[in-house]
């Protein structure tokens, strides 16, 4: 079953050093976010669409790596 993709409407409220305060959704929930992940030319008051989607390939790769590391640790103990 495919996982849902979420789109969030956000406004850049202000910059604080290397961080940005974004106001998320209709509730304008404040969230601190690294500026380096935002477009360089964004200004305070600009609106963004943030899309979050499940990365199945990365999840499987991480699970495989963890399983492999755990098996290696068990071999080293035995």
PDB file of N, CA and C in Angstrom:
ATOM      1  N   UNK A   1       0.845  -1.182   0.000  1.00  0.00           N
ATOM      2  CA  UNK A   1       0.000   0.000   0.000  1.00  0.00           C
ATOM      3  C   UNK A   1       0.892   1.247   0.000  1.00  0.00           C
ATOM      4  N   UNK A   2       0.656   2.155  -0.919  1.00  0.00           N
ATOM      5  CA  UNK A   2       1.442   3.386  -1.010  1.00  0.00           C
ATOM      6  C   UNK A   2       1.110   4.306   0.158  1.00  0.00           C
ATOM      7  N   UNK A   3       2.142   4.962   0.645  1.00  0.00           N
ATOM      8  CA  UNK A   3       1.949   5.898   1.749  1.00  0.00           C
ATOM      9  C   UNK A   3       1.560   7.258   1.191  1.00  0.00           C
ATOM     10  N   UNK A   4       0.833   7.986   1.985  1.00  0.00           N
ATOM     11  CA  UNK A   4       0.312   9.291   1.600  1.00  0.00           C
ATOM     12  C   UNK A   4       1.423  10.337   1.466  1.00  0.00           C
ATOM     13  N   UNK A   5       1.281  11.223   0.479  1.00  0.00           N
ATOM     14  CA  UNK A   5       2.133  12.397   0.343  1.00  0.00           C
ATOM     15  C   UNK A   5       1.381  13.566   0.956  1.00  0.00           C
ATOM     16  N   UNK A   6       2.091  14.384   1.733  1.00  0.00           N
ATOM     17  CA  UNK A   6       1.467  15.504   2.430  1.00  0.00           C
ATOM     18  C   UNK A   6       2.026  16.804   1.872  1.00  0.00           C
ATOM     19  N   UNK A   7       1.152  17.761   1.635  1.00  0.00           N
ATOM     20  CA  UNK A   7       1.569  19.086   1.200  1.00  0.00           C
ATOM     21  C   UNK A   7       1.168  20.093   2.273  1.00  0.00           C
ATOM     22  N   UNK A   8       2.116  20.933   2.663  1.00  0.00           N
ATOM     23  CA  UNK A   8       1.890  21.904   3.732  1.00  0.00           C
ATOM     24  C   UNK A   8       2.130  23.306   3.180  1.00  0.00           C
ATOM     25  N   UNK A   9       1.211  24.195   3.416  1.00  0.00           N
ATOM     26  CA  UNK A   9       1.340  25.592   3.027  1.00  0.00           C
ATOM     27  C   UNK A   9       2.017  26.318   4.190  1.00  0.00           C
ATOM     28  N   UNK A  10       3.094  27.063   3.913  1.00  0.00           N
ATOM     29  CA  UNK A  10       3.857  27.706   4.984  1.00  0.00           C
ATOM     30  C   UNK A  10       4.295  29.104   4.568  1.00  0.00           C
ATOM     31  N   UNK A  11       4.392  29.980   5.545  1.00  0.00           N
ATOM     32  CA  UNK A  11       4.852  31.350   5.321  1.00  0.00           C
ATOM     33  C   UNK A  11       6.148  31.572   6.092  1.00  0.00           C
ATOM     34  N   UNK A  12       7.126  32.228   5.446  1.00  0.00           N
ATOM     35  CA  UNK A  12       8.352  32.596   6.158  1.00  0.00           C
ATOM     36  C   UNK A  12       8.031  33.804   7.022  1.00  0.00           C
ATOM     37  N   UNK A  13       8.007  33.598   8.327  1.00  0.00           N
ATOM     38  CA  UNK A  13       7.699  34.665   9.269  1.00  0.00           C
ATOM     39  C   UNK A  13       8.916  35.559   9.493  1.00  0.00           C
ATOM     40  N   UNK A  14      10.076  34.892   9.787  1.00  0.00           N
ATOM     41  CA  UNK A  14      11.292  35.668  10.054  1.00  0.00           C
ATOM     42  C   UNK A  14      12.513  34.768  10.000  1.00  0.00           C
ATOM     43  N   UNK A  15      13.675  35.408   9.900  1.00  0.00           N
ATOM     44  CA  UNK A  15      14.967  34.719   9.969  1.00  0.00           C
ATOM     45  C   UNK A  15      15.553  34.972  11.356  1.00  0.00           C
ATOM     46  N   UNK A  16      16.221  33.947  11.895  1.00  0.00           N
ATOM     47  CA  UNK A  16      16.929  34.077  13.168  1.00  0.00           C
ATOM     48  C   UNK A  16      18.273  33.383  13.009  1.00  0.00           C
ATOM     49  N   UNK A  17      19.297  34.140  12.619  1.00  0.00           N
ATOM     50  CA  UNK A  17      20.608  33.557  12.362  1.00  0.00           C
ATOM     51  C   UNK A  17      20.544  32.629  11.168  1.00  0.00           C
ATOM     52  N   UNK A  18      20.891  31.356  11.391  1.00  0.00           N
ATOM     53  CA  UNK A  18      20.871  30.355  10.319  1.00  0.00           C
ATOM     54  C   UNK A  18      19.549  29.594  10.273  1.00  0.00           C
ATOM     55  N   UNK A  19      18.570  30.088  11.012  1.00  0.00           N
ATOM     56  CA  UNK A  19      17.269  29.414  11.075  1.00  0.00           C
ATOM     57  C   UNK A  19      16.164  30.336  10.584  1.00  0.00           C
ATOM     58  N   UNK A  20      15.071  29.702  10.178  1.00  0.00           N
ATOM     59  CA  UNK A  20      13.884  30.430   9.748  1.00  0.00           C
ATOM     60  C   UNK A  20      12.728  29.999  10.632  1.00  0.00           C
ATOM     61  N   UNK A  21      11.818  30.916  10.873  1.00  0.00           N
ATOM     62  CA  UNK A  21      10.573  30.557  11.546  1.00  0.00           C
ATOM     63  C   UNK A  21       9.495  30.533  10.477  1.00  0.00           C
ATOM     64  N   UNK A  22       8.960  29.334  10.245  1.00  0.00           N
ATOM     65  CA  UNK A  22       7.880  29.150   9.280  1.00  0.00           C
ATOM     66  C   UNK A  22       6.566  29.040  10.033  1.00  0.00           C
ATOM     67  N   UNK A  23       5.515  29.598   9.465  1.00  0.00           N
ATOM     68  CA  UNK A  23       4.171  29.449  10.012  1.00  0.00           C
ATOM     69  C   UNK A  23       3.443  28.446   9.131  1.00  0.00           C
ATOM     70  N   UNK A  24       3.121  27.282   9.712  1.00  0.00           N
ATOM     71  CA  UNK A  24       2.570  26.176   8.930  1.00  0.00           C
ATOM     72  C   UNK A  24       1.055  26.118   8.971  1.00  0.00           C
ATOM     73  N   UNK A  25       0.476  25.898   7.804  1.00  0.00           N
ATOM     74  CA  UNK A  25      -0.947  25.622   7.682  1.00  0.00           C
ATOM     75  C   UNK A  25      -1.846  26.786   8.055  1.00  0.00           C
ATOM     76  N   UNK A  26      -3.149  26.493   8.068  1.00  0.00           N
ATOM     77  CA  UNK A  26      -4.147  27.505   8.403  1.00  0.00           C
ATOM     78  C   UNK A  26      -3.998  27.988   9.844  1.00  0.00           C
ATOM     79  N   UNK A  27      -3.472  27.110  10.704  1.00  0.00           N
ATOM     80  CA  UNK A  27      -3.305  27.463  12.119  1.00  0.00           C
ATOM     81  C   UNK A  27      -2.081  28.351  12.328  1.00  0.00           C
ATOM     82  N   UNK A  28      -1.230  28.463  11.278  1.00  0.00           N
ATOM     83  CA  UNK A  28       0.023  29.207  11.335  1.00  0.00           C
ATOM     84  C   UNK A  28       0.863  28.786  12.544  1.00  0.00           C
ATOM     85  N   UNK A  29       1.040  27.479  12.663  1.00  0.00           N
ATOM     86  CA  UNK A  29       1.844  26.879  13.728  1.00  0.00           C
ATOM     87  C   UNK A  29       3.316  27.219  13.485  1.00  0.00           C
ATOM     88  N   UNK A  30       3.986  27.918  14.427  1.00  0.00           N
ATOM     89  CA  UNK A  30       5.394  28.268  14.206  1.00  0.00           C
ATOM     90  C   UNK A  30       6.314  27.062  14.343  1.00  0.00           C
ATOM     91  N   UNK A  31       7.232  26.936  13.379  1.00  0.00           N
ATOM     92  CA  UNK A  31       8.213  25.848  13.368  1.00  0.00           C
ATOM     93  C   UNK A  31       9.560  26.440  12.963  1.00  0.00           C
ATOM     94  N   UNK A  32      10.621  26.075  13.706  1.00  0.00           N
ATOM     95  CA  UNK A  32      11.967  26.530  13.366  1.00  0.00           C
ATOM     96  C   UNK A  32      12.542  25.550  12.346  1.00  0.00           C
ATOM     97  N   UNK A  33      13.128  26.095  11.271  1.00  0.00           N
ATOM     98  CA  UNK A  33      13.590  25.289  10.148  1.00  0.00           C
ATOM     99  C   UNK A  33      14.934  25.842   9.674  1.00  0.00           C
ATOM    100  N   UNK A  34      15.891  24.982   9.309  1.00  0.00           N
ATOM    101  CA  UNK A  34      17.184  25.486   8.825  1.00  0.00           C
ATOM    102  C   UNK A  34      17.022  26.290   7.527  1.00  0.00           C
ATOM    103  N   UNK A  35      17.580  27.494   7.514  1.00  0.00           N
ATOM    104  CA  UNK A  35      17.515  28.343   6.317  1.00  0.00           C
ATOM    105  C   UNK A  35      18.154  27.689   5.105  1.00  0.00           C
ATOM    106  N   UNK A  36      19.191  26.858   5.331  1.00  0.00           N
ATOM    107  CA  UNK A  36      19.911  26.277   4.195  1.00  0.00           C
ATOM    108  C   UNK A  36      19.036  25.384   3.326  1.00  0.00           C
ATOM    109  N   UNK A  37      17.889  24.950   3.827  1.00  0.00           N
ATOM    110  CA  UNK A  37      16.987  24.102   3.041  1.00  0.00           C
ATOM    111  C   UNK A  37      15.892  24.897   2.341  1.00  0.00           C
ATOM    112  N   UNK A  38      15.932  26.216   2.462  1.00  0.00           N
ATOM    113  CA  UNK A  38      14.943  27.057   1.807  1.00  0.00           C
ATOM    114  C   UNK A  38      15.576  27.754   0.606  1.00  0.00           C
ATOM    115  N   UNK A  39      14.774  28.184  -0.372  1.00  0.00           N
ATOM    116  CA  UNK A  39      15.333  28.926  -1.503  1.00  0.00           C
ATOM    117  C   UNK A  39      16.066  30.173  -1.002  1.00  0.00           C
ATOM    118  N   UNK A  40      17.210  30.481  -1.592  1.00  0.00           N
ATOM    119  CA  UNK A  40      18.031  31.611  -1.150  1.00  0.00           C
ATOM    120  C   UNK A  40      17.312  32.951  -1.294  1.00  0.00           C
ATOM    121  N   UNK A  41      16.457  33.070  -2.302  1.00  0.00           N
ATOM    122  CA  UNK A  41      15.827  34.354  -2.585  1.00  0.00           C
ATOM    123  C   UNK A  41      14.477  34.548  -1.892  1.00  0.00           C
ATOM    124  N   UNK A  42      14.160  33.715  -0.925  1.00  0.00           N
ATOM    125  CA  UNK A  42      12.887  33.843  -0.222  1.00  0.00           C
ATOM    126  C   UNK A  42      12.950  35.007   0.768  1.00  0.00           C
ATOM    127  N   UNK A  43      11.858  35.748   0.853  1.00  0.00           N
ATOM    128  CA  UNK A  43      11.767  36.898   1.748  1.00  0.00           C
ATOM    129  C   UNK A  43      10.701  36.656   2.813  1.00  0.00           C
ATOM    130  N   UNK A  44      10.830  37.380   3.918  1.00  0.00           N
ATOM    131  CA  UNK A  44       9.810  37.302   4.957  1.00  0.00           C
ATOM    132  C   UNK A  44       8.459  37.670   4.348  1.00  0.00           C
ATOM    133  N   UNK A  45       7.449  36.885   4.678  1.00  0.00           N
ATOM    134  CA  UNK A  45       6.112  37.081   4.120  1.00  0.00           C
ATOM    135  C   UNK A  45       5.837  36.230   2.897  1.00  0.00           C
ATOM    136  N   UNK A  46       6.884  35.630   2.307  1.00  0.00           N
ATOM    137  CA  UNK A  46       6.685  34.743   1.153  1.00  0.00           C
ATOM    138  C   UNK A  46       6.073  33.424   1.607  1.00  0.00           C
ATOM    139  N   UNK A  47       5.245  32.861   0.738  1.00  0.00           N
ATOM    140  CA  UNK A  47       4.588  31.579   1.022  1.00  0.00           C
ATOM    141  C   UNK A  47       5.285  30.450   0.267  1.00  0.00           C
ATOM    142  N   UNK A  48       5.296  29.283   0.869  1.00  0.00           N
ATOM    143  CA  UNK A  48       5.913  28.084   0.308  1.00  0.00           C
ATOM    144  C   UNK A  48       4.910  26.942   0.318  1.00  0.00           C
ATOM    145  N   UNK A  49       5.102  25.993  -0.569  1.00  0.00           N
ATOM    146  CA  UNK A  49       4.420  24.706  -0.507  1.00  0.00           C
ATOM    147  C   UNK A  49       5.488  23.677  -0.183  1.00  0.00           C
ATOM    148  N   UNK A  50       5.331  22.990   0.922  1.00  0.00           N
ATOM    149  CA  UNK A  50       6.282  21.964   1.348  1.00  0.00           C
ATOM    150  C   UNK A  50       5.616  20.611   1.140  1.00  0.00           C
ATOM    151  N   UNK A  51       6.281  19.751   0.375  1.00  0.00           N
ATOM    152  CA  UNK A  51       5.753  18.414   0.115  1.00  0.00           C
ATOM    153  C   UNK A  51       6.612  17.391   0.832  1.00  0.00           C
ATOM    154  N   UNK A  52       5.967  16.514   1.561  1.00  0.00           N
ATOM    155  CA  UNK A  52       6.652  15.446   2.286  1.00  0.00           C
ATOM    156  C   UNK A  52       6.124  14.123   1.755  1.00  0.00           C
ATOM    157  N   UNK A  53       7.059  13.283   1.307  1.00  0.00           N
ATOM    158  CA  UNK A  53       6.631  11.982   0.804  1.00  0.00           C
ATOM    159  C   UNK A  53       7.528  10.882   1.359  1.00  0.00           C
ATOM    160  N   UNK A  54       6.957   9.735   1.501  1.00  0.00           N
ATOM    161  CA  UNK A  54       7.633   8.550   2.001  1.00  0.00           C
ATOM    162  C   UNK A  54       8.658   8.080   0.981  1.00  0.00           C
ATOM    163  N   UNK A  55       9.871   7.783   1.434  1.00  0.00           N
ATOM    164  CA  UNK A  55      10.940   7.292   0.559  1.00  0.00           C
ATOM    165  C   UNK A  55      11.163   5.812   0.865  1.00  0.00           C
ATOM    166  N   UNK A  56      10.473   4.967   0.127  1.00  0.00           N
ATOM    167  CA  UNK A  56      10.521   3.524   0.378  1.00  0.00           C
ATOM    168  C   UNK A  56      11.921   2.962   0.165  1.00  0.00           C
ATOM    169  N   UNK A  57      12.599   3.383  -0.902  1.00  0.00           N
ATOM    170  CA  UNK A  57      13.930   2.853  -1.203  1.00  0.00           C
ATOM    171  C   UNK A  57      14.918   3.175  -0.079  1.00  0.00           C
ATOM    172  N   UNK A  58      14.891   4.410   0.432  1.00  0.00           N
ATOM    173  CA  UNK A  58      15.795   4.796   1.524  1.00  0.00           C
ATOM    174  C   UNK A  58      15.456   4.037   2.800  1.00  0.00           C
ATOM    175  N   UNK A  59      14.175   3.817   3.059  1.00  0.00           N
ATOM    176  CA  UNK A  59      13.748   3.079   4.250  1.00  0.00           C
ATOM    177  C   UNK A  59      14.243   1.639   4.187  1.00  0.00           C
ATOM    178  N   UNK A  60      14.074   0.997   3.041  1.00  0.00           N
ATOM    179  CA  UNK A  60      14.523  -0.389   2.871  1.00  0.00           C
ATOM    180  C   UNK A  60      16.032  -0.477   2.997  1.00  0.00           C
ATOM    181  N   UNK A  61      16.761   0.466   2.390  1.00  0.00           N
ATOM    182  CA  UNK A  61      18.227   0.472   2.477  1.00  0.00           C
ATOM    183  C   UNK A  61      18.684   0.628   3.927  1.00  0.00           C
ATOM    184  N   UNK A  62      18.044   1.499   4.686  1.00  0.00           N
ATOM    185  CA  UNK A  62      18.403   1.701   6.098  1.00  0.00           C
ATOM    186  C   UNK A  62      18.108   0.451   6.924  1.00  0.00           C
ATOM    187  N   UNK A  63      16.977  -0.187   6.654  1.00  0.00           N
ATOM    188  CA  UNK A  63      16.635  -1.426   7.365  1.00  0.00           C
ATOM    189  C   UNK A  63      17.646  -2.529   7.029  1.00  0.00           C
ATOM    190  N   UNK A  64      18.011  -2.649   5.755  1.00  0.00           N
ATOM    191  CA  UNK A  64      19.001  -3.651   5.344  1.00  0.00           C
ATOM    192  C   UNK A  64      20.345  -3.407   6.008  1.00  0.00           C
ATOM    193  N   UNK A  65      20.771  -2.146   6.078  1.00  0.00           N
ATOM    194  CA  UNK A  65      22.041  -1.811   6.718  1.00  0.00           C
ATOM    195  C   UNK A  65      22.005  -2.143   8.205  1.00  0.00           C
ATOM    196  N   UNK A  66      20.907  -1.812   8.875  1.00  0.00           N
ATOM    197  CA  UNK A  66      20.783  -2.110  10.304  1.00  0.00           C
ATOM    198  C   UNK A  66      20.807  -3.619  10.542  1.00  0.00           C
ATOM    199  N   UNK A  67      20.120  -4.373   9.703  1.00  0.00           N
ATOM    200  CA  UNK A  67      20.109  -5.828   9.826  1.00  0.00           C
ATOM    201  C   UNK A  67      21.511  -6.390   9.626  1.00  0.00           C
ATOM    202  N   UNK A  68      22.222  -5.869   8.628  1.00  0.00           N
ATOM    203  CA  UNK A  68      23.581  -6.316   8.350  1.00  0.00           C
ATOM    204  C   UNK A  68      24.521  -5.995   9.518  1.00  0.00           C
ATOM    205  N   UNK A  69      24.430  -4.793  10.061  1.00  0.00           N
ATOM    206  CA  UNK A  69      25.271  -4.417  11.203  1.00  0.00           C
ATOM    207  C   UNK A  69      24.975  -5.272  12.424  1.00  0.00           C
ATOM    208  N   UNK A  70      23.711  -5.546  12.670  1.00  0.00           N
ATOM    209  CA  UNK A  70      23.324  -6.387  13.806  1.00  0.00           C
ATOM    210  C   UNK A  70      23.865  -7.802  13.626  1.00  0.00           C
ATOM    211  N   UNK A  71      23.776  -8.359  12.425  1.00  0.00           N
ATOM    212  CA  UNK A  71      24.303  -9.692  12.156  1.00  0.00           C
ATOM    213  C   UNK A  71      25.820  -9.709  12.359  1.00  0.00           C
ATOM    214  N   UNK A  72      26.491  -8.655  11.928  1.00  0.00           N
ATOM    215  CA  UNK A  72      27.956  -8.561  12.108  1.00  0.00           C
ATOM    216  C   UNK A  72      28.316  -8.513  13.596  1.00  0.00           C
ATOM    217  N   UNK A  73      27.579  -7.766  14.378  1.00  0.00           N
ATOM    218  CA  UNK A  73      27.836  -7.696  15.829  1.00  0.00           C
ATOM    219  C   UNK A  73      27.632  -9.064  16.485  1.00  0.00           C
ATOM    220  N   UNK A  74      26.603  -9.762  16.057  1.00  0.00           N
ATOM    221  CA  UNK A  74      26.328 -11.095  16.616  1.00  0.00           C
ATOM    222  C   UNK A  74      27.427 -12.081  16.264  1.00  0.00           C
ATOM    223  N   UNK A  75      27.961 -11.988  15.030  1.00  0.00           N
ATOM    224  CA  UNK A  75      29.069 -12.863  14.630  1.00  0.00           C
ATOM    225  C   UNK A  75      30.319 -12.575  15.460  1.00  0.00           C
ATOM    226  N   UNK A  76      30.584 -11.291  15.709  1.00  0.00           N
ATOM    227  CA  UNK A  76      31.758 -10.894  16.480  1.00  0.00           C
ATOM    228  C   UNK A  76      31.676 -11.379  17.921  1.00  0.00           C
ATOM    229  N   UNK A  77      30.490 -11.477  18.483  1.00  0.00           N
ATOM    230  CA  UNK A  77      30.307 -11.930  19.869  1.00  0.00           C
ATOM    231  C   UNK A  77      30.478 -13.452  19.962  1.00  0.00           C
ATOM    232  N   UNK A  78      30.103 -14.148  18.919  1.00  0.00           N
ATOM    233  CA  UNK A  78      30.041 -15.603  18.946  1.00  0.00           C
ATOM    234  C   UNK A  78      31.297 -16.238  18.623  1.00  0.00           C
TER     235      UNK A  78
END
